[in-house]
Amino acid sequence: MKIALPSRDGMIDGHFGHCEYFTVITVEDGKIVGEQKLDPPVGCGCKSNVVQTLAQMGVTVMLAGNMGDGALHVLGNHGIQVLRGCSGDPKQAVEQWLAGKIQDSKEACSDHEGCH
């Protein structure tokens, strides 16, 4: 299983479409076994090809700070489950999710045009 986390300066970014890079963590048998960074394309996350790239990489879960409804729908249409309201260290967030301690905040941001 692969889990993507929008990231900035080693932490989960508060907004999917403006992240510096994506941390992609590989989990096998409930344990973290790998990590890589994926640089996002230029432009708004929901209107770029990043979702297709993540899906092709095998990402099935995204732990994010927040995102607009457009990005949420695009990710869902590509089979990527999204949980918003995450923050902090990406590995710790994945460990918390694996332990069942993270649920989707169900809050969408709408602070900019085009990706809501």
PDB file of N, CA and C in Angstrom:
ATOM      1  N   MET A   1       0.844  -1.169   0.000  1.00  0.00           N
ATOM      2  CA  MET A   1       0.000   0.000   0.000  1.00  0.00           C
ATOM      3  C   MET A   1       0.890   1.233   0.000  1.00  0.00           C
ATOM      4  N   LYS A   2       0.450   2.246  -0.750  1.00  0.00           N
ATOM      5  CA  LYS A   2       1.189   3.508  -0.764  1.00  0.00           C
ATOM      6  C   LYS A   2       0.274   4.633  -0.294  1.00  0.00           C
ATOM      7  N   ILE A   3       0.841   5.484   0.552  1.00  0.00           N
ATOM      8  CA  ILE A   3       0.119   6.610   1.142  1.00  0.00           C
ATOM      9  C   ILE A   3       0.862   7.880   0.780  1.00  0.00           C
ATOM     10  N   ALA A   4       0.147   8.862   0.231  1.00  0.00           N
ATOM     11  CA  ALA A   4       0.751  10.143  -0.136  1.00  0.00           C
ATOM     12  C   ALA A   4       0.353  11.212   0.869  1.00  0.00           C
ATOM     13  N   LEU A   5       1.298  12.100   1.147  1.00  0.00           N
ATOM     14  CA  LEU A   5       1.053  13.205   2.071  1.00  0.00           C
ATOM     15  C   LEU A   5       1.621  14.483   1.464  1.00  0.00           C
ATOM     16  N   PRO A   6       0.776  15.490   1.183  1.00  0.00           N
ATOM     17  CA  PRO A   6       1.295  16.773   0.697  1.00  0.00           C
ATOM     18  C   PRO A   6       2.227  17.337   1.771  1.00  0.00           C
ATOM     19  N   SER A   7       3.433  17.730   1.386  1.00  0.00           N
ATOM     20  CA  SER A   7       4.433  18.096   2.393  1.00  0.00           C
ATOM     21  C   SER A   7       5.150  19.404   2.074  1.00  0.00           C
ATOM     22  N   ARG A   8       5.659  20.008   3.149  1.00  0.00           N
ATOM     23  CA  ARG A   8       6.471  21.222   3.056  1.00  0.00           C
ATOM     24  C   ARG A   8       7.411  21.217   4.253  1.00  0.00           C
ATOM     25  N   ASP A   9       8.695  21.380   3.991  1.00  0.00           N
ATOM     26  CA  ASP A   9       9.704  21.442   5.066  1.00  0.00           C
ATOM     27  C   ASP A   9       9.615  20.258   6.032  1.00  0.00           C
ATOM     28  N   GLY A  10       9.362  19.064   5.479  1.00  0.00           N
ATOM     29  CA  GLY A  10       9.353  17.860   6.304  1.00  0.00           C
ATOM     30  C   GLY A  10       8.084  17.618   7.091  1.00  0.00           C
ATOM     31  N   MET A  11       7.077  18.451   6.895  1.00  0.00           N
ATOM     32  CA  MET A  11       5.815  18.313   7.618  1.00  0.00           C
ATOM     33  C   MET A  11       4.659  18.253   6.624  1.00  0.00           C
ATOM     34  N   ILE A  12       3.504  17.790   7.073  1.00  0.00           N
ATOM     35  CA  ILE A  12       2.321  17.778   6.220  1.00  0.00           C
ATOM     36  C   ILE A  12       1.919  19.220   5.944  1.00  0.00           C
ATOM     37  N   ASP A  13       1.729  19.541   4.677  1.00  0.00           N
ATOM     38  CA  ASP A  13       1.334  20.890   4.269  1.00  0.00           C
ATOM     39  C   ASP A  13      -0.157  21.076   4.545  1.00  0.00           C
ATOM     40  N   GLY A  14      -0.529  22.287   4.905  1.00  0.00           N
ATOM     41  CA  GLY A  14      -1.921  22.595   5.195  1.00  0.00           C
ATOM     42  C   GLY A  14      -2.811  22.622   3.978  1.00  0.00           C
ATOM     43  N   HIS A  15      -2.239  22.616   2.776  1.00  0.00           N
ATOM     44  CA  HIS A  15      -3.067  22.642   1.570  1.00  0.00           C
ATOM     45  C   HIS A  15      -2.459  21.807   0.459  1.00  0.00           C
ATOM     46  N   PHE A  16      -3.206  20.850   0.007  1.00  0.00           N
ATOM     47  CA  PHE A  16      -2.803  19.919  -1.051  1.00  0.00           C
ATOM     48  C   PHE A  16      -2.244  20.619  -2.284  1.00  0.00           C
ATOM     49  N   GLY A  17      -2.940  21.618  -2.798  1.00  0.00           N
ATOM     50  CA  GLY A  17      -2.572  22.239  -4.066  1.00  0.00           C
ATOM     51  C   GLY A  17      -1.388  23.169  -4.025  1.00  0.00           C
ATOM     52  N   HIS A  18      -0.855  23.426  -2.834  1.00  0.00           N
ATOM     53  CA  HIS A  18       0.260  24.359  -2.716  1.00  0.00           C
ATOM     54  C   HIS A  18       1.481  23.717  -2.069  1.00  0.00           C
ATOM     55  N   CYS A  19       1.482  22.390  -1.966  1.00  0.00           N
ATOM     56  CA  CYS A  19       2.583  21.731  -1.265  1.00  0.00           C
ATOM     57  C   CYS A  19       3.889  21.852  -2.044  1.00  0.00           C
ATOM     58  N   GLU A  20       4.978  21.708  -1.313  1.00  0.00           N
ATOM     59  CA  GLU A  20       6.321  21.764  -1.892  1.00  0.00           C
ATOM     60  C   GLU A  20       6.653  20.445  -2.613  1.00  0.00           C
ATOM     61  N   TYR A  21       6.175  19.336  -2.052  1.00  0.00           N
ATOM     62  CA  TYR A  21       6.376  17.999  -2.620  1.00  0.00           C
ATOM     63  C   TYR A  21       5.402  17.046  -1.938  1.00  0.00           C
ATOM     64  N   PHE A  22       5.319  15.833  -2.437  1.00  0.00           N
ATOM     65  CA  PHE A  22       4.509  14.796  -1.807  1.00  0.00           C
ATOM     66  C   PHE A  22       5.441  13.771  -1.193  1.00  0.00           C
ATOM     67  N   THR A  23       5.189  13.418   0.051  1.00  0.00           N
ATOM     68  CA  THR A  23       5.871  12.299   0.680  1.00  0.00           C
ATOM     69  C   THR A  23       5.023  11.073   0.369  1.00  0.00           C
ATOM     70  N   VAL A  24       5.624  10.064  -0.234  1.00  0.00           N
ATOM     71  CA  VAL A  24       4.916   8.829  -0.560  1.00  0.00           C
ATOM     72  C   VAL A  24       5.529   7.725   0.284  1.00  0.00           C
ATOM     73  N   ILE A  25       4.715   7.171   1.168  1.00  0.00           N
ATOM     74  CA  ILE A  25       5.179   6.162   2.108  1.00  0.00           C
ATOM     75  C   ILE A  25       4.586   4.808   1.729  1.00  0.00           C
ATOM     76  N   THR A  26       5.447   3.806   1.670  1.00  0.00           N
ATOM     77  CA  THR A  26       5.022   2.447   1.356  1.00  0.00           C
ATOM     78  C   THR A  26       4.852   1.668   2.655  1.00  0.00           C
ATOM     79  N   VAL A  27       3.722   0.972   2.758  1.00  0.00           N
ATOM     80  CA  VAL A  27       3.403   0.179   3.942  1.00  0.00           C
ATOM     81  C   VAL A  27       3.172  -1.266   3.515  1.00  0.00           C
ATOM     82  N   GLU A  28       3.812  -2.176   4.231  1.00  0.00           N
ATOM     83  CA  GLU A  28       3.589  -3.606   4.023  1.00  0.00           C
ATOM     84  C   GLU A  28       3.379  -4.264   5.376  1.00  0.00           C
ATOM     85  N   ASP A  29       2.380  -5.093   5.460  1.00  0.00           N
ATOM     86  CA  ASP A  29       2.065  -5.805   6.707  1.00  0.00           C
ATOM     87  C   ASP A  29       1.948  -4.857   7.893  1.00  0.00           C
ATOM     88  N   GLY A  30       1.360  -3.681   7.650  1.00  0.00           N
ATOM     89  CA  GLY A  30       1.122  -2.724   8.725  1.00  0.00           C
ATOM     90  C   GLY A  30       2.341  -1.950   9.185  1.00  0.00           C
ATOM     91  N   LYS A  31       3.449  -2.033   8.434  1.00  0.00           N
ATOM     92  CA  LYS A  31       4.676  -1.335   8.821  1.00  0.00           C
ATOM     93  C   LYS A  31       5.209  -0.509   7.663  1.00  0.00           C
ATOM     94  N   ILE A  32       5.811   0.623   8.002  1.00  0.00           N
ATOM     95  CA  ILE A  32       6.430   1.484   6.992  1.00  0.00           C
ATOM     96  C   ILE A  32       7.707   0.812   6.501  1.00  0.00           C
ATOM     97  N   VAL A  33       7.791   0.624   5.175  1.00  0.00           N
ATOM     98  CA  VAL A  33       8.970  -0.033   4.612  1.00  0.00           C
ATOM     99  C   VAL A  33       9.694   0.834   3.585  1.00  0.00           C
ATOM    100  N   GLY A  34       9.138   1.992   3.263  1.00  0.00           N
ATOM    101  CA  GLY A  34       9.791   2.853   2.284  1.00  0.00           C
ATOM    102  C   GLY A  34       9.204   4.248   2.269  1.00  0.00           C
ATOM    103  N   GLU A  35      10.004   5.183   1.747  1.00  0.00           N
ATOM    104  CA  GLU A  35       9.571   6.573   1.654  1.00  0.00           C
ATOM    105  C   GLU A  35      10.277   7.214   0.462  1.00  0.00           C
ATOM    106  N   GLN A  36       9.528   8.024  -0.281  1.00  0.00           N
ATOM    107  CA  GLN A  36      10.126   8.778  -1.373  1.00  0.00           C
ATOM    108  C   GLN A  36       9.437  10.125  -1.491  1.00  0.00           C
ATOM    109  N   LYS A  37      10.112  11.041  -2.167  1.00  0.00           N
ATOM    110  CA  LYS A  37       9.547  12.363  -2.409  1.00  0.00           C
ATOM    111  C   LYS A  37       9.177  12.480  -3.870  1.00  0.00           C
ATOM    112  N   LEU A  38       8.019  13.075  -4.116  1.00  0.00           N
ATOM    113  CA  LEU A  38       7.566  13.333  -5.471  1.00  0.00           C
ATOM    114  C   LEU A  38       7.330  14.828  -5.604  1.00  0.00           C
ATOM    115  N   ASP A  39       8.084  15.468  -6.485  1.00  0.00           N
ATOM    116  CA  ASP A  39       7.889  16.894  -6.723  1.00  0.00           C
ATOM    117  C   ASP A  39       6.590  17.089  -7.480  1.00  0.00           C
ATOM    118  N   PRO A  40       5.756  18.042  -7.025  1.00  0.00           N
ATOM    119  CA  PRO A  40       4.492  18.276  -7.725  1.00  0.00           C
ATOM    120  C   PRO A  40       4.719  19.078  -9.000  1.00  0.00           C
ATOM    121  N   PRO A  41       3.785  18.986  -9.928  1.00  0.00           N
ATOM    122  CA  PRO A  41       3.882  19.813 -11.125  1.00  0.00           C
ATOM    123  C   PRO A  41       3.580  21.264 -10.790  1.00  0.00           C
ATOM    124  N   VAL A  42       3.927  22.146 -11.693  1.00  0.00           N
ATOM    125  CA  VAL A  42       3.616  23.556 -11.511  1.00  0.00           C
ATOM    126  C   VAL A  42       2.116  23.733 -11.690  1.00  0.00           C
ATOM    127  N   GLY A  43       1.523  24.571 -10.882  1.00  0.00           N
ATOM    128  CA  GLY A  43       0.095  24.839 -11.010  1.00  0.00           C
ATOM    129  C   GLY A  43      -0.694  24.218  -9.878  1.00  0.00           C
ATOM    130  N   CYS A  44      -1.951  24.516  -9.874  1.00  0.00           N
ATOM    131  CA  CYS A  44      -2.859  24.044  -8.831  1.00  0.00           C
ATOM    132  C   CYS A  44      -2.946  22.519  -8.842  1.00  0.00           C
ATOM    133  N   GLY A  45      -2.922  21.923  -7.681  1.00  0.00           N
ATOM    134  CA  GLY A  45      -2.936  20.473  -7.559  1.00  0.00           C
ATOM    135  C   GLY A  45      -4.089  19.793  -8.255  1.00  0.00           C
ATOM    136  N   CYS A  46      -5.298  20.332  -8.136  1.00  0.00           N
ATOM    137  CA  CYS A  46      -6.456  19.649  -8.714  1.00  0.00           C
ATOM    138  C   CYS A  46      -6.524  19.783 -10.225  1.00  0.00           C
ATOM    139  N   LYS A  47      -5.777  20.702 -10.803  1.00  0.00           N
ATOM    140  CA  LYS A  47      -5.810  20.886 -12.257  1.00  0.00           C
ATOM    141  C   LYS A  47      -4.528  20.385 -12.929  1.00  0.00           C
ATOM    142  N   SER A  48      -3.652  19.790 -12.167  1.00  0.00           N
ATOM    143  CA  SER A  48      -2.404  19.264 -12.717  1.00  0.00           C
ATOM    144  C   SER A  48      -2.552  17.762 -12.937  1.00  0.00           C
ATOM    145  N   ASN A  49      -1.482  17.110 -13.338  1.00  0.00           N
ATOM    146  CA  ASN A  49      -1.511  15.655 -13.534  1.00  0.00           C
ATOM    147  C   ASN A  49      -1.016  14.889 -12.316  1.00  0.00           C
ATOM    148  N   VAL A  50      -0.873  15.550 -11.182  1.00  0.00           N
ATOM    149  CA  VAL A  50      -0.314  14.881 -10.008  1.00  0.00           C
ATOM    150  C   VAL A  50      -1.196  13.728  -9.542  1.00  0.00           C
ATOM    151  N   VAL A  51      -2.503  13.865  -9.646  1.00  0.00           N
ATOM    152  CA  VAL A  51      -3.382  12.793  -9.186  1.00  0.00           C
ATOM    153  C   VAL A  51      -3.184  11.541 -10.030  1.00  0.00           C
ATOM    154  N   GLN A  52      -3.099  11.705 -11.336  1.00  0.00           N
ATOM    155  CA  GLN A  52      -2.859  10.566 -12.211  1.00  0.00           C
ATOM    156  C   GLN A  52      -1.506   9.924 -11.903  1.00  0.00           C
ATOM    157  N   THR A  53      -0.505  10.755 -11.657  1.00  0.00           N
ATOM    158  CA  THR A  53       0.827  10.242 -11.321  1.00  0.00           C
ATOM    159  C   THR A  53       0.786   9.444 -10.026  1.00  0.00           C
ATOM    160  N   LEU A  54       0.125   9.977  -9.013  1.00  0.00           N
ATOM    161  CA  LEU A  54       0.017   9.266  -7.734  1.00  0.00           C
ATOM    162  C   LEU A  54      -0.718   7.933  -7.915  1.00  0.00           C
ATOM    163  N   ALA A  55      -1.802   7.948  -8.683  1.00  0.00           N
ATOM    164  CA  ALA A  55      -2.558   6.713  -8.914  1.00  0.00           C
ATOM    165  C   ALA A  55      -1.695   5.688  -9.656  1.00  0.00           C
ATOM    166  N   GLN A  56      -0.921   6.129 -10.637  1.00  0.00           N
ATOM    167  CA  GLN A  56      -0.043   5.220 -11.386  1.00  0.00           C
ATOM    168  C   GLN A  56       1.045   4.638 -10.491  1.00  0.00           C
ATOM    169  N   MET A  57       1.443   5.387  -9.465  1.00  0.00           N
ATOM    170  CA  MET A  57       2.444   4.907  -8.515  1.00  0.00           C
ATOM    171  C   MET A  57       1.865   3.876  -7.552  1.00  0.00           C
ATOM    172  N   GLY A  58       0.532   3.760  -7.531  1.00  0.00           N
ATOM    173  CA  GLY A  58      -0.114   2.816  -6.631  1.00  0.00           C
ATOM    174  C   GLY A  58      -0.614   3.427  -5.340  1.00  0.00           C
ATOM    175  N   VAL A  59      -0.660   4.754  -5.266  1.00  0.00           N
ATOM    176  CA  VAL A  59      -1.175   5.418  -4.063  1.00  0.00           C
ATOM    177  C   VAL A  59      -2.677   5.154  -3.956  1.00  0.00           C
ATOM    178  N   THR A  60      -3.112   4.731  -2.770  1.00  0.00           N
ATOM    179  CA  THR A  60      -4.533   4.477  -2.533  1.00  0.00           C
ATOM    180  C   THR A  60      -5.101   5.311  -1.396  1.00  0.00           C
ATOM    181  N   VAL A  61      -4.219   5.989  -0.648  1.00  0.00           N
ATOM    182  CA  VAL A  61      -4.647   6.819   0.482  1.00  0.00           C
ATOM    183  C   VAL A  61      -3.853   8.111   0.463  1.00  0.00           C
ATOM    184  N   MET A  62      -4.532   9.225   0.761  1.00  0.00           N
ATOM    185  CA  MET A  62      -3.846  10.504   0.946  1.00  0.00           C
ATOM    186  C   MET A  62      -4.239  11.059   2.310  1.00  0.00           C
ATOM    187  N   LEU A  63      -3.231  11.357   3.110  1.00  0.00           N
ATOM    188  CA  LEU A  63      -3.425  12.023   4.394  1.00  0.00           C
ATOM    189  C   LEU A  63      -3.020  13.473   4.175  1.00  0.00           C
ATOM    190  N   ALA A  64      -3.969  14.395   4.283  1.00  0.00           N
ATOM    191  CA  ALA A  64      -3.721  15.789   3.912  1.00  0.00           C
ATOM    192  C   ALA A  64      -4.152  16.736   5.006  1.00  0.00           C
ATOM    193  N   GLY A  65      -3.563  17.938   4.955  1.00  0.00           N
ATOM    194  CA  GLY A  65      -4.024  18.989   5.853  1.00  0.00           C
ATOM    195  C   GLY A  65      -5.409  19.422   5.437  1.00  0.00           C
ATOM    196  N   ASN A  66      -5.521  19.900   4.208  1.00  0.00           N
ATOM    197  CA  ASN A  66      -6.812  20.293   3.678  1.00  0.00           C
ATOM    198  C   ASN A  66      -6.723  20.416   2.172  1.00  0.00           C
ATOM    199  N   MET A  67      -7.895  20.500   1.539  1.00  0.00           N
ATOM    200  CA  MET A  67      -7.990  20.664   0.094  1.00  0.00           C
ATOM    201  C   MET A  67      -9.402  21.073  -0.249  1.00  0.00           C
ATOM    202  N   GLY A  68      -9.560  21.572  -1.451  1.00  0.00           N
ATOM    203  CA  GLY A  68     -10.880  21.947  -1.923  1.00  0.00           C
ATOM    204  C   GLY A  68     -11.656  20.742  -2.420  1.00  0.00           C
ATOM    205  N   ASP A  69     -12.947  20.951  -2.661  1.00  0.00           N
ATOM    206  CA  ASP A  69     -13.814  19.871  -3.131  1.00  0.00           C
ATOM    207  C   ASP A  69     -13.377  19.325  -4.483  1.00  0.00           C
ATOM    208  N   GLY A  70     -12.869  20.199  -5.371  1.00  0.00           N
ATOM    209  CA  GLY A  70     -12.427  19.740  -6.690  1.00  0.00           C
ATOM    210  C   GLY A  70     -11.338  18.693  -6.573  1.00  0.00           C
ATOM    211  N   ALA A  71     -10.336  18.975  -5.769  1.00  0.00           N
ATOM    212  CA  ALA A  71      -9.240  18.024  -5.570  1.00  0.00           C
ATOM    213  C   ALA A  71      -9.751  16.748  -4.912  1.00  0.00           C
ATOM    214  N   LEU A  72     -10.623  16.881  -3.953  1.00  0.00           N
ATOM    215  CA  LEU A  72     -11.190  15.715  -3.266  1.00  0.00           C
ATOM    216  C   LEU A  72     -11.888  14.790  -4.264  1.00  0.00           C
ATOM    217  N   HIS A  73     -12.675  15.372  -5.173  1.00  0.00           N
ATOM    218  CA  HIS A  73     -13.387  14.561  -6.161  1.00  0.00           C
ATOM    219  C   HIS A  73     -12.438  13.927  -7.174  1.00  0.00           C
ATOM    220  N   VAL A  74     -11.441  14.672  -7.629  1.00  0.00           N
ATOM    221  CA  VAL A  74     -10.483  14.116  -8.596  1.00  0.00           C
ATOM    222  C   VAL A  74      -9.734  12.947  -7.965  1.00  0.00           C
ATOM    223  N   LEU A  75      -9.286  13.111  -6.734  1.00  0.00           N
ATOM    224  CA  LEU A  75      -8.578  12.021  -6.050  1.00  0.00           C
ATOM    225  C   LEU A  75      -9.487  10.807  -5.895  1.00  0.00           C
ATOM    226  N   GLY A  76     -10.715  11.027  -5.454  1.00  0.00           N
ATOM    227  CA  GLY A  76     -11.659   9.921  -5.289  1.00  0.00           C
ATOM    228  C   GLY A  76     -11.947   9.203  -6.596  1.00  0.00           C
ATOM    229  N   ASN A  77     -12.063   9.958  -7.680  1.00  0.00           N
ATOM    230  CA  ASN A  77     -12.310   9.351  -8.993  1.00  0.00           C
ATOM    231  C   ASN A  77     -11.142   8.499  -9.472  1.00  0.00           C
ATOM    232  N   HIS A  78      -9.971   8.692  -8.875  1.00  0.00           N
ATOM    233  CA  HIS A  78      -8.801   7.884  -9.214  1.00  0.00           C
ATOM    234  C   HIS A  78      -8.525   6.808  -8.152  1.00  0.00           C
ATOM    235  N   GLY A  79      -9.501   6.563  -7.292  1.00  0.00           N
ATOM    236  CA  GLY A  79      -9.382   5.495  -6.312  1.00  0.00           C
ATOM    237  C   GLY A  79      -8.507   5.819  -5.123  1.00  0.00           C
ATOM    238  N   ILE A  80      -8.300   7.116  -4.860  1.00  0.00           N
ATOM    239  CA  ILE A  80      -7.468   7.518  -3.721  1.00  0.00           C
ATOM    240  C   ILE A  80      -8.381   8.038  -2.614  1.00  0.00           C
ATOM    241  N   GLN A  81      -8.373   7.341  -1.487  1.00  0.00           N
ATOM    242  CA  GLN A  81      -9.143   7.739  -0.311  1.00  0.00           C
ATOM    243  C   GLN A  81      -8.431   8.916   0.355  1.00  0.00           C
ATOM    244  N   VAL A  82      -9.187   9.962   0.711  1.00  0.00           N
ATOM    245  CA  VAL A  82      -8.594  11.160   1.299  1.00  0.00           C
ATOM    246  C   VAL A  82      -9.066  11.329   2.735  1.00  0.00           C
ATOM    247  N   LEU A  83      -8.116  11.614   3.607  1.00  0.00           N
ATOM    248  CA  LEU A  83      -8.425  11.983   4.982  1.00  0.00           C
ATOM    249  C   LEU A  83      -7.815  13.348   5.232  1.00  0.00           C
ATOM    250  N   ARG A  84      -8.682  14.346   5.477  1.00  0.00           N
ATOM    251  CA  ARG A  84      -8.231  15.722   5.720  1.00  0.00           C
ATOM    252  C   ARG A  84      -8.127  15.976   7.221  1.00  0.00           C
ATOM    253  N   GLY A  85      -7.419  17.037   7.563  1.00  0.00           N
ATOM    254  CA  GLY A  85      -7.257  17.413   8.961  1.00  0.00           C
ATOM    255  C   GLY A  85      -5.965  16.892   9.575  1.00  0.00           C
ATOM    256  N   CYS A  86      -5.061  16.392   8.745  1.00  0.00           N
ATOM    257  CA  CYS A  86      -3.793  15.845   9.238  1.00  0.00           C
ATOM    258  C   CYS A  86      -2.743  16.950   9.344  1.00  0.00           C
ATOM    259  N   SER A  87      -1.800  16.765  10.240  1.00  0.00           N
ATOM    260  CA  SER A  87      -0.702  17.720  10.401  1.00  0.00           C
ATOM    261  C   SER A  87       0.488  17.004  11.025  1.00  0.00           C
ATOM    262  N   GLY A  88       1.614  17.706  11.025  1.00  0.00           N
ATOM    263  CA  GLY A  88       2.800  17.165  11.678  1.00  0.00           C
ATOM    264  C   GLY A  88       3.677  16.330  10.766  1.00  0.00           C
ATOM    265  N   ASP A  89       4.428  15.440  11.378  1.00  0.00           N
ATOM    266  CA  ASP A  89       5.385  14.586  10.691  1.00  0.00           C
ATOM    267  C   ASP A  89       4.661  13.525   9.854  1.00  0.00           C
ATOM    268  N   PRO A  90       5.002  13.389   8.566  1.00  0.00           N
ATOM    269  CA  PRO A  90       4.317  12.413   7.721  1.00  0.00           C
ATOM    270  C   PRO A  90       4.365  10.975   8.245  1.00  0.00           C
ATOM    271  N   LYS A  91       5.520  10.507   8.685  1.00  0.00           N
ATOM    272  CA  LYS A  91       5.615   9.124   9.176  1.00  0.00           C
ATOM    273  C   LYS A  91       4.737   8.917  10.409  1.00  0.00           C
ATOM    274  N   GLN A  92       4.728   9.896  11.295  1.00  0.00           N
ATOM    275  CA  GLN A  92       3.883   9.770  12.485  1.00  0.00           C
ATOM    276  C   GLN A  92       2.408   9.753  12.114  1.00  0.00           C
ATOM    277  N   ALA A  93       2.029  10.555  11.113  1.00  0.00           N
ATOM    278  CA  ALA A  93       0.636  10.562  10.654  1.00  0.00           C
ATOM    279  C   ALA A  93       0.250   9.197  10.091  1.00  0.00           C
ATOM    280  N   VAL A  94       1.138   8.592   9.310  1.00  0.00           N
ATOM    281  CA  VAL A  94       0.863   7.267   8.759  1.00  0.00           C
ATOM    282  C   VAL A  94       0.717   6.254   9.880  1.00  0.00           C
ATOM    283  N   GLU A  95       1.590   6.315  10.858  1.00  0.00           N
ATOM    284  CA  GLU A  95       1.505   5.386  11.988  1.00  0.00           C
ATOM    285  C   GLU A  95       0.194   5.577  12.748  1.00  0.00           C
ATOM    286  N   GLN A  96      -0.228   6.817  12.927  1.00  0.00           N
ATOM    287  CA  GLN A  96      -1.509   7.077  13.594  1.00  0.00           C
ATOM    288  C   GLN A  96      -2.668   6.541  12.760  1.00  0.00           C
ATOM    289  N   TRP A  97      -2.601   6.730  11.432  1.00  0.00           N
ATOM    290  CA  TRP A  97      -3.659   6.213  10.563  1.00  0.00           C
ATOM    291  C   TRP A  97      -3.707   4.686  10.631  1.00  0.00           C
ATOM    292  N   LEU A  98      -2.544   4.046  10.582  1.00  0.00           N
ATOM    293  CA  LEU A  98      -2.504   2.593  10.673  1.00  0.00           C
ATOM    294  C   LEU A  98      -3.090   2.094  11.987  1.00  0.00           C
ATOM    295  N   ALA A  99      -2.953   2.880  13.038  1.00  0.00           N
ATOM    296  CA  ALA A  99      -3.485   2.515  14.349  1.00  0.00           C
ATOM    297  C   ALA A  99      -4.972   2.885  14.487  1.00  0.00           C
ATOM    298  N   GLY A 100      -5.558   3.439  13.424  1.00  0.00           N
ATOM    299  CA  GLY A 100      -6.977   3.797  13.459  1.00  0.00           C
ATOM    300  C   GLY A 100      -7.290   5.081  14.205  1.00  0.00           C
ATOM    301  N   LYS A 101      -6.276   5.936  14.364  1.00  0.00           N
ATOM    302  CA  LYS A 101      -6.457   7.163  15.154  1.00  0.00           C
ATOM    303  C   LYS A 101      -6.732   8.400  14.313  1.00  0.00           C
ATOM    304  N   ILE A 102      -6.820   8.259  12.991  1.00  0.00           N
ATOM    305  CA  ILE A 102      -7.075   9.414  12.127  1.00  0.00           C
ATOM    306  C   ILE A 102      -8.351   9.174  11.339  1.00  0.00           C
ATOM    307  N   GLN A 103      -9.236  10.178  11.367  1.00  0.00           N
ATOM    308  CA  GLN A 103     -10.450  10.163  10.564  1.00  0.00           C
ATOM    309  C   GLN A 103     -10.520  11.457   9.784  1.00  0.00           C
ATOM    310  N   ASP A 104     -11.243  11.435   8.684  1.00  0.00           N
ATOM    311  CA  ASP A 104     -11.398  12.614   7.839  1.00  0.00           C
ATOM    312  C   ASP A 104     -12.127  13.723   8.605  1.00  0.00           C
ATOM    313  N   SER A 105     -11.584  14.935   8.550  1.00  0.00           N
ATOM    314  CA  SER A 105     -12.216  16.068   9.228  1.00  0.00           C
ATOM    315  C   SER A 105     -13.503  16.498   8.518  1.00  0.00           C
ATOM    316  N   LYS A 106     -13.668  16.083   7.260  1.00  0.00           N
ATOM    317  CA  LYS A 106     -14.828  16.419   6.425  1.00  0.00           C
ATOM    318  C   LYS A 106     -14.954  17.915   6.164  1.00  0.00           C
ATOM    319  N   GLU A 107     -13.876  18.663   6.375  1.00  0.00           N
ATOM    320  CA  GLU A 107     -13.869  20.096   6.112  1.00  0.00           C
ATOM    321  C   GLU A 107     -13.072  20.353   4.841  1.00  0.00           C
ATOM    322  N   ALA A 108     -13.678  21.098   3.913  1.00  0.00           N
ATOM    323  CA  ALA A 108     -12.994  21.448   2.666  1.00  0.00           C
ATOM    324  C   ALA A 108     -12.635  22.925   2.694  1.00  0.00           C
ATOM    325  N   CYS A 109     -11.492  23.256   2.132  1.00  0.00           N
ATOM    326  CA  CYS A 109     -11.122  24.651   2.074  1.00  0.00           C
ATOM    327  C   CYS A 109     -11.691  25.276   0.811  1.00  0.00           C
ATOM    328  N   SER A 110     -11.881  26.569   0.851  1.00  0.00           N
ATOM    329  CA  SER A 110     -12.390  27.304  -0.320  1.00  0.00           C
ATOM    330  C   SER A 110     -11.737  28.665  -0.370  1.00  0.00           C
ATOM    331  N   ASP A 111     -10.416  28.696  -0.064  1.00  0.00           N
ATOM    332  CA  ASP A 111      -9.737  29.981   0.045  1.00  0.00           C
ATOM    333  C   ASP A 111      -9.112  30.484  -1.239  1.00  0.00           C
ATOM    334  N   HIS A 112      -9.336  29.782  -2.359  1.00  0.00           N
ATOM    335  CA  HIS A 112      -8.806  30.282  -3.622  1.00  0.00           C
ATOM    336  C   HIS A 112      -9.641  29.765  -4.773  1.00  0.00           C
ATOM    337  N   GLU A 113      -9.603  30.462  -5.871  1.00  0.00           N
ATOM    338  CA  GLU A 113     -10.400  30.094  -7.026  1.00  0.00           C
ATOM    339  C   GLU A 113      -9.822  28.893  -7.751  1.00  0.00           C
ATOM    340  N   GLY A 114     -10.703  28.138  -8.391  1.00  0.00           N
ATOM    341  CA  GLY A 114     -10.272  27.092  -9.291  1.00  0.00           C
ATOM    342  C   GLY A 114     -10.079  25.731  -8.689  1.00  0.00           C
ATOM    343  N   CYS A 115      -9.747  25.619  -7.434  1.00  0.00           N
ATOM    344  CA  CYS A 115      -9.506  24.315  -6.809  1.00  0.00           C
ATOM    345  C   CYS A 115     -10.374  24.165  -5.580  1.00  0.00           C
ATOM    346  N   HIS A 116     -11.644  24.322  -5.772  1.00  0.00           N
ATOM    347  CA  HIS A 116     -12.522  24.160  -4.603  1.00  0.00           C
ATOM    348  C   HIS A 116     -13.650  23.211  -4.900  1.00  0.00           C
TER     349      HIS A 116
END
